[in-house]
Structures are given as structure tokens and as C-alpha cells.
Amino acid sequence: MYTHSHDNITGKLKQWLLELNTGSRWCVLINADPDAMASAMALKRIFLNKVHSMDIMRVNEVTRPDNLAMIRYLRIPVKAWNAENQDQYTHFALLDSQPPHNKVFEDIPFSLIIDHHPLVRDCVCVKKRATSVHCHIRPEFGATSTMMSRALHALRIRPTPRLATALLYGIRTDTAVFERSGGEMDFRAYQWLSRHADITLLRRILRSEYLREWLPIFARAFASLTNSHHGGAYAPLHTVASADVLVAIADFFTRVHGLRWIAVSGVVDKKVIVVFRGDGGQDVGCMAAACFHDVGTAGGHPNLARAEFALNTLPKGIKVSDFILQRLQSKNMRSSVAACAIS
């Protein structure tokens, strides 16, 4: 049985729901990913019959195939945000994010903010001790979907199969099925949701990893794969439409036996992006920083990392693939990674 004490979010939310105006028109703004979309669905259910209307709006393009499958199979009513329509709403909510995370959020007068990421110092929650904003920032949770699941349970709202499936998938993605983050409360919420979710729909979403138009790009990655040091490899690609395909290819290579780490590069809108994945034996976060900190932004975790730098920062006459391979195989980079591992 999924039980919990009435914590900060559930206790305050119960009281706050009593103050809602049935004539109010709400807009939930999200940077659409599984956790954010699932949380928005949960809030829409919680606010049902308590407000006039609630729309879910995204500030980003949804391109990942699993996210597109989630929207399709779970019928998530998410639409693109248009700032010209701001006057149509009386209240705004922000889920799985904070105002400083995106420029679009900065000028929106939010009434409710729920997030599991660490509190940003200049967030509206702490700026001038704003009392008109109801903030629930809980970084001890692995996903905002966990927070919303707890709220549903506390309010005695049984989630529909589609809502439970969305929240389940939100927890799965943000915790990497509890490999990257998540604690006891995330796991207990996951167990509770599992009893109400549609496992058939969840399998369909999980299997929607690749777009058909990506297959020729996968073929290029296989053909260009170059061995590197410490059991790793590098797959250079040319111009691609989105970094999503680089992530998909890098994740695919993590399933290759004996491959300790992989770097996959491509050019997106005149920006070079290098996606790293590893098995933990080689700290790819350190590797990314050691290779590319001087030309752009680079870093990450021991198992996953990323580097980005402008195409025009490369020396004249050198190919992108040659530049990256030289950096990956340089002695300075290896010594930096070794020093990082020691520290």
C-alpha cells in the first residue's frame, strides 16, 4: 500500500485548492518532456471542476520519437505556446522547471510552481520573498511526476490508466529507471502507479525509440565508427536535423558488448555537438570537459556528457571529425581524465 505523511506539497495544495476560482482560466507552461507532460496531466486532473479551464502549453519543439509516441498514445493535449495569447489566461502554472530555466518564463506572472530540480537562486520563489506565488521545490525527489502522484494520492484521486501510465513514464525517464536518481518515495509512487497504468501503452512508448528517417544516419554511424583509447570509439556524422538522433545513436552503442565509451558528433545549426556515453569505467563527463572546455561548453556525469561549440571556432582547413578525433586521442586529454579519476 502506498502511504505517506502529508508533506509540504500535499498539505498546502489541499488548502490552496479551496481558494481556487471556478471562473479562472489557467495555462500550464512546460518545457515538454515526459516528466513535465505527465505532471501537467496530473495538475489538469486535480484542477478538474475547480477552475473554468486549463490548457497545457509547451515552449519547445517535441522531436524525440518516444515523446511523440507518449503524446499520441496517451492523448496529451499539449500545444505550442504563443505569447500573443497570454491575455487569454488569468493564472499560470509552471511544472518541472523554474522561471530562470527559460527566457520565455521570465515575464510570466506564475501563480504556481512545482519542480524537483534544485532551487535556482534568482527564482521568483525567493526573489523579494514573493508571497503571491505558491512554490513547491523538492530536489530530494527524482521526478516532478512523483510529487504529483503524491498529491493525487493525498487528494484520494485515482488516476486513469492513461494518467498513471504518463506519470509512470515520467518517473522512469527522469530517474533512468532508478539508475541515475530517485529514492524511496519515487519507488513507492512507481509501485502505486503500476497498479493503475496501462502496461500495453507503456510498452508501445518504450519501443518508440527511433524515427524511420534516422536509419540512414545510423548506417553512417556504423560505417564511420573509429576505435579510440581505453575501449572507446568515436562515430562522426555530418549535418543532422536535431541532436536527438546523436543521443539515440550514442545510447544504442552503449548496448555493444566490450565498448566502454562512445562519442557521437554532428553539426546542428552551425553548432558542433558531441554526445558522450559510457559504462562508468571511463568518466565521460571529465573527458568532455578535458577535450572541449576551451572551445565551448562541455561536461556532464561519469556515464553521460555533452560538448557544444560553434562551427566557426575550428581552425581553418580542418574537418570537424579530424578535430574531434585529435582532441579525443591527445595526451593532454588523457592526463586530465586520469587526474579527474584520481581526485
Protein backbone atom coordinates (compact mmCIF):
# COMPACT_ATOMS: atom_id res chain seq x y z
CA MET A 1 0.00 0.00 0.00
CA TYR A 2 1.35 3.41 -0.99
CA THR A 3 1.16 5.59 2.13
CA HIS A 4 2.92 8.77 3.16
CA SER A 5 2.69 11.62 5.61
CA HIS A 6 1.10 14.86 4.50
CA ASP A 7 4.19 16.76 3.45
CA ASN A 8 4.60 20.36 2.34
CA ILE A 9 3.15 19.99 -1.14
CA THR A 10 0.09 17.88 -0.32
CA GLY A 11 -0.87 19.82 2.80
CA LYS A 12 -0.58 23.26 1.25
CA LEU A 13 -2.10 22.15 -2.03
CA LYS A 14 -5.22 20.89 -0.28
CA GLN A 15 -5.73 24.25 1.41
CA TRP A 16 -4.93 26.16 -1.76
CA LEU A 17 -7.42 24.19 -3.85
CA LEU A 18 -10.20 25.53 -1.66
CA GLU A 19 -9.26 29.05 -2.72
CA LEU A 20 -9.46 28.41 -6.47
CA ASN A 21 -11.90 30.44 -8.53
CA THR A 22 -14.16 28.41 -10.79
CA GLY A 23 -14.08 31.27 -13.27
CA SER A 24 -10.29 31.32 -13.61
CA ARG A 25 -8.57 30.35 -16.86
CA TRP A 26 -5.26 28.56 -16.31
CA CYS A 27 -2.30 27.92 -18.54
CA VAL A 28 0.30 25.31 -17.60
CA LEU A 29 3.64 26.12 -19.23
CA ILE A 30 6.21 23.35 -19.66
CA ASN A 31 9.42 22.53 -21.42
CA ALA A 32 7.85 19.39 -22.84
CA ASP A 33 9.47 16.11 -21.82
CA PRO A 34 7.87 13.01 -20.27
CA ASP A 35 8.10 14.23 -16.66
CA ALA A 36 6.73 17.69 -17.47
CA MET A 37 3.88 16.42 -19.66
CA ALA A 38 2.83 13.80 -17.12
CA SER A 39 2.89 16.35 -14.31
CA ALA A 40 0.78 18.75 -16.37
CA MET A 41 -1.78 16.00 -16.98
CA ALA A 42 -1.92 15.35 -13.23
CA LEU A 43 -2.43 19.03 -12.40
CA LYS A 44 -5.18 19.27 -15.01
CA ARG A 45 -6.92 16.34 -13.32
CA ILE A 46 -6.51 17.87 -9.85
CA PHE A 47 -7.97 21.18 -11.05
CA LEU A 48 -10.93 19.48 -12.77
CA ASN A 49 -14.22 21.26 -11.89
CA LYS A 50 -12.29 23.73 -9.71
CA VAL A 51 -11.38 26.18 -12.48
CA HIS A 52 -13.04 27.26 -15.73
CA SER A 53 -10.34 25.80 -17.98
CA MET A 54 -6.71 24.68 -18.08
CA ASP A 55 -4.51 24.49 -21.18
CA ILE A 56 -1.12 22.75 -21.39
CA MET A 57 1.39 24.75 -23.45
CA ARG A 58 4.95 23.84 -24.44
CA VAL A 59 7.76 26.30 -25.11
CA ASN A 60 9.89 23.80 -27.06
CA GLU A 61 9.53 21.60 -30.11
CA VAL A 62 8.87 17.93 -29.43
CA THR A 63 11.07 15.84 -31.70
CA ARG A 64 12.13 12.73 -29.76
CA PRO A 65 10.18 9.70 -31.01
CA ASP A 66 9.36 8.42 -27.52
CA ASN A 67 7.96 11.82 -26.55
CA LEU A 68 5.90 11.95 -29.74
CA ALA A 69 4.63 8.45 -29.00
CA MET A 70 3.73 9.49 -25.46
CA ILE A 71 1.66 12.40 -26.77
CA ARG A 72 -0.04 10.20 -29.35
CA TYR A 73 -0.82 7.11 -27.29
CA LEU A 74 -1.78 8.95 -24.09
CA ARG A 75 -3.66 11.70 -25.95
CA ILE A 76 -1.88 14.53 -24.18
CA PRO A 77 -3.49 17.87 -25.16
CA VAL A 78 -0.26 19.86 -25.36
CA LYS A 79 0.04 22.77 -27.77
CA ALA A 80 2.76 25.25 -28.76
CA TRP A 81 2.88 28.41 -26.64
CA ASN A 82 2.10 31.70 -28.33
CA ALA A 83 2.92 34.80 -26.27
CA GLU A 84 0.23 36.74 -28.13
CA ASN A 85 -2.39 34.65 -26.33
CA GLN A 86 -1.14 35.45 -22.83
CA ASP A 87 -4.07 37.79 -22.09
CA GLN A 88 -6.49 34.89 -22.50
CA TYR A 89 -5.42 33.48 -19.14
CA THR A 90 -5.92 34.68 -15.59
CA HIS A 91 -3.36 32.34 -13.98
CA PHE A 92 -0.21 30.49 -14.96
CA ALA A 93 1.47 27.37 -13.56
CA LEU A 94 5.00 26.14 -14.22
CA LEU A 95 5.82 22.46 -13.80
CA ASP A 96 9.13 20.60 -13.80
CA SER A 97 11.01 23.86 -14.28
CA GLN A 98 11.70 27.29 -12.79
CA PRO A 99 11.50 30.77 -14.39
CA PRO A 100 15.28 31.21 -14.83
CA HIS A 101 15.44 27.97 -16.88
CA ASN A 102 13.95 29.59 -19.99
CA LYS A 103 13.67 33.16 -21.23
CA VAL A 104 10.03 32.59 -22.14
CA PHE A 105 9.22 32.03 -18.45
CA GLU A 106 10.88 35.19 -17.15
CA ASP A 107 7.99 37.62 -17.75
CA ILE A 108 5.12 35.25 -16.95
CA PRO A 109 3.25 36.02 -13.66
CA PHE A 110 3.16 32.48 -12.29
CA SER A 111 0.74 31.62 -9.51
CA LEU A 112 2.03 28.06 -9.02
CA ILE A 113 5.47 26.49 -9.47
CA ILE A 114 6.12 22.79 -8.83
CA ASP A 115 9.56 21.33 -9.57
CA HIS A 116 12.04 18.70 -8.42
CA HIS A 117 15.19 20.43 -9.69
CA PRO A 118 17.43 22.31 -7.23
CA LEU A 119 16.19 25.80 -6.42
CA VAL A 120 17.69 28.43 -8.71
CA ARG A 121 19.00 31.30 -6.64
CA ASP A 122 17.22 34.09 -8.51
CA CYS A 123 13.97 32.15 -8.92
CA VAL A 124 10.77 34.11 -8.40
CA CYS A 125 10.15 31.89 -5.36
CA VAL A 126 12.90 33.61 -3.41
CA LYS A 127 13.08 36.93 -5.24
CA LYS A 128 11.66 39.59 -2.92
CA ARG A 129 10.08 36.77 -0.90
CA ALA A 130 7.17 36.64 -3.33
CA THR A 131 4.09 35.57 -1.33
CA SER A 132 1.69 35.54 -4.27
CA VAL A 133 3.44 32.54 -5.84
CA HIS A 134 2.83 29.07 -4.44
CA CYS A 135 6.18 27.32 -4.83
CA HIS A 136 6.90 23.67 -4.20
CA ILE A 137 10.56 22.95 -4.99
CA ARG A 138 11.61 19.49 -3.82
CA PRO A 139 15.03 18.43 -5.15
CA GLU A 140 15.03 15.33 -2.95
CA PHE A 141 12.60 13.74 -5.40
CA GLY A 142 13.79 12.13 -8.62
CA ALA A 143 10.87 13.44 -10.69
CA THR A 144 8.09 16.01 -10.55
CA SER A 145 5.80 13.12 -11.51
CA THR A 146 6.48 11.67 -8.07
CA MET A 147 5.37 14.90 -6.42
CA MET A 148 2.16 14.95 -8.49
CA SER A 149 1.50 11.26 -7.74
CA ARG A 150 1.74 12.01 -4.02
CA ALA A 151 -0.70 14.88 -4.45
CA LEU A 152 -3.18 12.66 -6.29
CA HIS A 153 -2.94 10.04 -3.58
CA ALA A 154 -3.38 12.57 -0.78
CA LEU A 155 -6.44 14.02 -2.51
CA ARG A 156 -7.87 10.49 -2.95
CA ILE A 157 -7.91 10.86 -6.73
CA ARG A 158 -7.48 7.56 -8.54
CA PRO A 159 -5.55 8.18 -11.77
CA THR A 160 -6.98 6.92 -15.04
CA PRO A 161 -4.87 4.31 -16.87
CA ARG A 162 -3.56 6.98 -19.27
CA LEU A 163 -2.63 9.39 -16.46
CA ALA A 164 -0.99 6.64 -14.41
CA THR A 165 0.97 5.50 -17.46
CA ALA A 166 2.17 9.05 -18.13
CA LEU A 167 3.33 9.54 -14.53
CA LEU A 168 4.98 6.12 -14.53
CA TYR A 169 6.90 7.00 -17.68
CA GLY A 170 7.81 10.41 -16.24
CA ILE A 171 9.44 8.75 -13.25
CA ARG A 172 11.17 6.17 -15.46
CA THR A 173 12.79 8.78 -17.70
CA ASP A 174 13.91 11.25 -15.04
CA THR A 175 15.39 8.59 -12.77
CA ALA A 176 16.68 6.42 -15.65
CA VAL A 177 14.68 3.60 -14.04
CA PHE A 178 16.36 4.45 -10.71
CA GLU A 179 19.89 4.11 -12.07
CA ARG A 180 20.62 7.86 -12.12
CA SER A 181 18.46 9.22 -9.30
CA GLY A 182 15.35 8.55 -7.25
CA GLY A 183 14.72 7.43 -3.71
CA GLU A 184 12.21 5.57 -1.61
CA MET A 185 9.31 7.93 -2.32
CA ASP A 186 9.91 7.74 -6.08
CA PHE A 187 9.92 3.96 -5.88
CA ARG A 188 6.76 3.85 -3.78
CA ALA A 189 4.99 6.19 -6.19
CA TYR A 190 6.15 3.99 -9.07
CA GLN A 191 4.68 0.92 -7.37
CA TRP A 192 1.36 2.68 -6.75
CA LEU A 193 1.13 3.89 -10.34
CA SER A 194 1.99 0.44 -11.70
CA ARG A 195 -1.30 -0.88 -10.33
CA HIS A 196 -3.28 1.66 -12.34
CA ALA A 197 -1.20 2.04 -15.53
CA ASP A 198 -1.82 0.54 -18.97
CA ILE A 199 1.28 -1.60 -19.46
CA THR A 200 0.45 -2.21 -23.13
CA LEU A 201 0.57 1.54 -23.84
CA LEU A 202 3.77 1.86 -21.80
CA ARG A 203 5.43 -0.84 -23.93
CA ARG A 204 4.42 0.98 -27.12
CA ILE A 205 6.04 4.18 -25.86
CA LEU A 206 9.19 2.39 -24.71
CA ARG A 207 9.58 0.76 -28.11
CA SER A 208 9.29 4.08 -29.96
CA GLU A 209 12.98 4.90 -29.72
CA TYR A 210 13.82 5.71 -33.33
CA LEU A 211 12.34 7.53 -36.30
CA ARG A 212 12.42 5.74 -39.64
CA GLU A 213 14.29 8.64 -41.26
CA TRP A 214 17.09 8.12 -38.73
CA LEU A 215 18.02 4.69 -40.12
CA PRO A 216 20.36 6.02 -42.87
CA ILE A 217 22.08 8.13 -40.19
CA PHE A 218 22.57 5.02 -38.07
CA ALA A 219 24.14 3.36 -41.12
CA ARG A 220 26.57 6.29 -41.45
CA ALA A 221 27.46 5.99 -37.78
CA PHE A 222 28.22 2.29 -38.13
CA ALA A 223 30.38 2.92 -41.20
CA SER A 224 32.32 5.80 -39.64
CA LEU A 225 32.97 4.17 -36.24
CA THR A 226 36.61 4.64 -35.25
CA ASN A 227 38.31 2.92 -32.32
CA SER A 228 39.88 5.08 -29.65
CA HIS A 229 41.67 4.59 -26.33
CA HIS A 230 40.54 2.56 -23.30
CA GLY A 231 37.98 0.51 -25.21
CA GLY A 232 36.13 3.51 -26.58
CA ALA A 233 35.09 4.63 -30.04
CA TYR A 234 34.09 7.71 -31.98
CA ALA A 235 31.32 7.97 -34.61
CA PRO A 236 31.47 11.20 -36.64
CA LEU A 237 28.38 12.36 -38.51
CA HIS A 238 27.90 15.39 -40.68
CA THR A 239 24.96 17.79 -40.55
CA VAL A 240 21.89 16.43 -38.76
CA ALA A 241 18.49 17.99 -38.17
CA SER A 242 18.49 17.51 -34.41
CA ALA A 243 20.76 16.44 -31.57
CA ASP A 244 18.12 13.84 -30.69
CA VAL A 245 19.50 11.44 -33.29
CA LEU A 246 23.00 11.81 -31.80
CA VAL A 247 21.64 10.88 -28.38
CA ALA A 248 19.75 7.90 -29.82
CA ILE A 249 22.85 6.60 -31.60
CA ALA A 250 25.08 7.09 -28.55
CA ASP A 251 22.55 5.25 -26.37
CA PHE A 252 22.41 2.43 -28.92
CA PHE A 253 26.18 1.98 -28.80
CA THR A 254 26.08 1.53 -25.01
CA ARG A 255 24.49 -1.86 -25.70
CA VAL A 256 27.51 -3.07 -27.69
CA HIS A 257 29.49 -5.59 -25.65
CA GLY A 258 33.04 -4.52 -24.91
CA LEU A 259 32.54 -0.86 -25.89
CA ARG A 260 33.48 1.11 -22.77
CA TRP A 261 32.55 4.56 -24.04
CA ILE A 262 31.29 6.25 -27.19
CA ALA A 263 31.37 9.78 -28.60
CA VAL A 264 28.98 10.70 -31.42
CA SER A 265 29.27 14.07 -33.16
CA GLY A 266 27.16 16.06 -35.59
CA VAL A 267 26.54 19.61 -36.74
CA VAL A 268 23.20 21.24 -35.86
CA ASP A 269 22.55 24.83 -36.99
CA LYS A 270 26.26 25.62 -37.37
CA LYS A 271 26.98 24.22 -33.93
CA VAL A 272 29.08 21.11 -33.31
CA ILE A 273 27.55 18.76 -30.75
CA VAL A 274 29.36 15.78 -29.27
CA VAL A 275 27.33 13.33 -27.19
CA PHE A 276 29.22 11.01 -24.83
CA ARG A 277 28.03 7.82 -23.18
CA GLY A 278 30.00 5.36 -21.05
CA ASP A 279 29.76 2.40 -18.70
CA GLY A 280 31.33 4.25 -15.77
CA GLY A 281 34.80 2.80 -16.25
CA GLN A 282 35.85 5.98 -18.05
CA ASP A 283 34.46 9.27 -16.72
CA VAL A 284 32.97 10.74 -19.91
CA GLY A 285 32.00 13.93 -18.09
CA CYS A 286 35.66 14.55 -17.38
CA MET A 287 36.52 13.51 -20.91
CA ALA A 288 34.12 16.02 -22.47
CA ALA A 289 35.41 18.84 -20.28
CA ALA A 290 39.06 17.96 -20.90
CA CYS A 291 38.57 17.82 -24.67
CA PHE A 292 36.39 20.83 -25.34
CA HIS A 293 36.22 23.20 -22.36
CA ASP A 294 38.40 25.72 -24.18
CA VAL A 295 36.21 25.95 -27.29
CA GLY A 296 32.69 25.79 -25.88
CA THR A 297 30.57 24.28 -23.14
CA ALA A 298 31.39 20.74 -22.05
CA GLY A 299 30.84 18.41 -19.12
CA GLY A 300 28.40 16.01 -17.56
CA HIS A 301 28.30 12.87 -15.46
CA PRO A 302 30.57 9.80 -15.42
CA ASN A 303 28.12 7.92 -17.67
CA LEU A 304 26.75 10.67 -19.91
CA ALA A 305 28.06 14.00 -21.08
CA ARG A 306 27.90 16.53 -23.87
CA ALA A 307 30.01 19.19 -25.55
CA GLU A 308 28.87 22.05 -27.78
CA PHE A 309 30.88 24.64 -29.68
CA ALA A 310 30.38 26.90 -32.68
CA LEU A 311 31.45 25.55 -36.04
CA ASN A 312 33.48 28.69 -36.76
CA THR A 313 35.74 28.04 -33.76
CA LEU A 314 37.52 25.25 -35.62
CA PRO A 315 40.90 26.05 -37.19
CA LYS A 316 40.64 26.75 -40.90
CA GLY A 317 41.11 23.77 -43.18
CA ILE A 318 40.45 21.07 -40.59
CA LYS A 319 37.48 18.73 -40.73
CA VAL A 320 35.14 18.51 -37.77
CA SER A 321 35.78 14.77 -37.42
CA ASP A 322 39.57 15.21 -37.52
CA PHE A 323 39.42 18.00 -34.92
CA ILE A 324 37.34 15.93 -32.51
CA LEU A 325 39.41 12.76 -33.00
CA GLN A 326 42.63 14.68 -32.34
CA ARG A 327 41.13 16.02 -29.11
CA LEU A 328 39.90 12.60 -28.02
CA GLN A 329 43.28 10.98 -28.58
CA SER A 330 45.52 13.75 -27.26
CA LYS A 331 47.88 13.03 -24.37
CA ASN A 332 46.73 16.17 -22.53
CA MET A 333 43.18 14.94 -22.55
CA ARG A 334 44.16 11.52 -21.21
CA SER A 335 46.20 13.00 -18.38
CA SER A 336 43.32 15.35 -17.47
CA VAL A 337 40.86 12.46 -17.33
CA ALA A 338 43.30 10.43 -15.24
CA ALA A 339 43.73 13.32 -12.82
CA CYS A 340 39.95 13.66 -12.56
CA ALA A 341 39.57 9.96 -11.79
CA ILE A 342 42.24 10.19 -9.06
CA SER A 343 40.62 13.22 -7.44
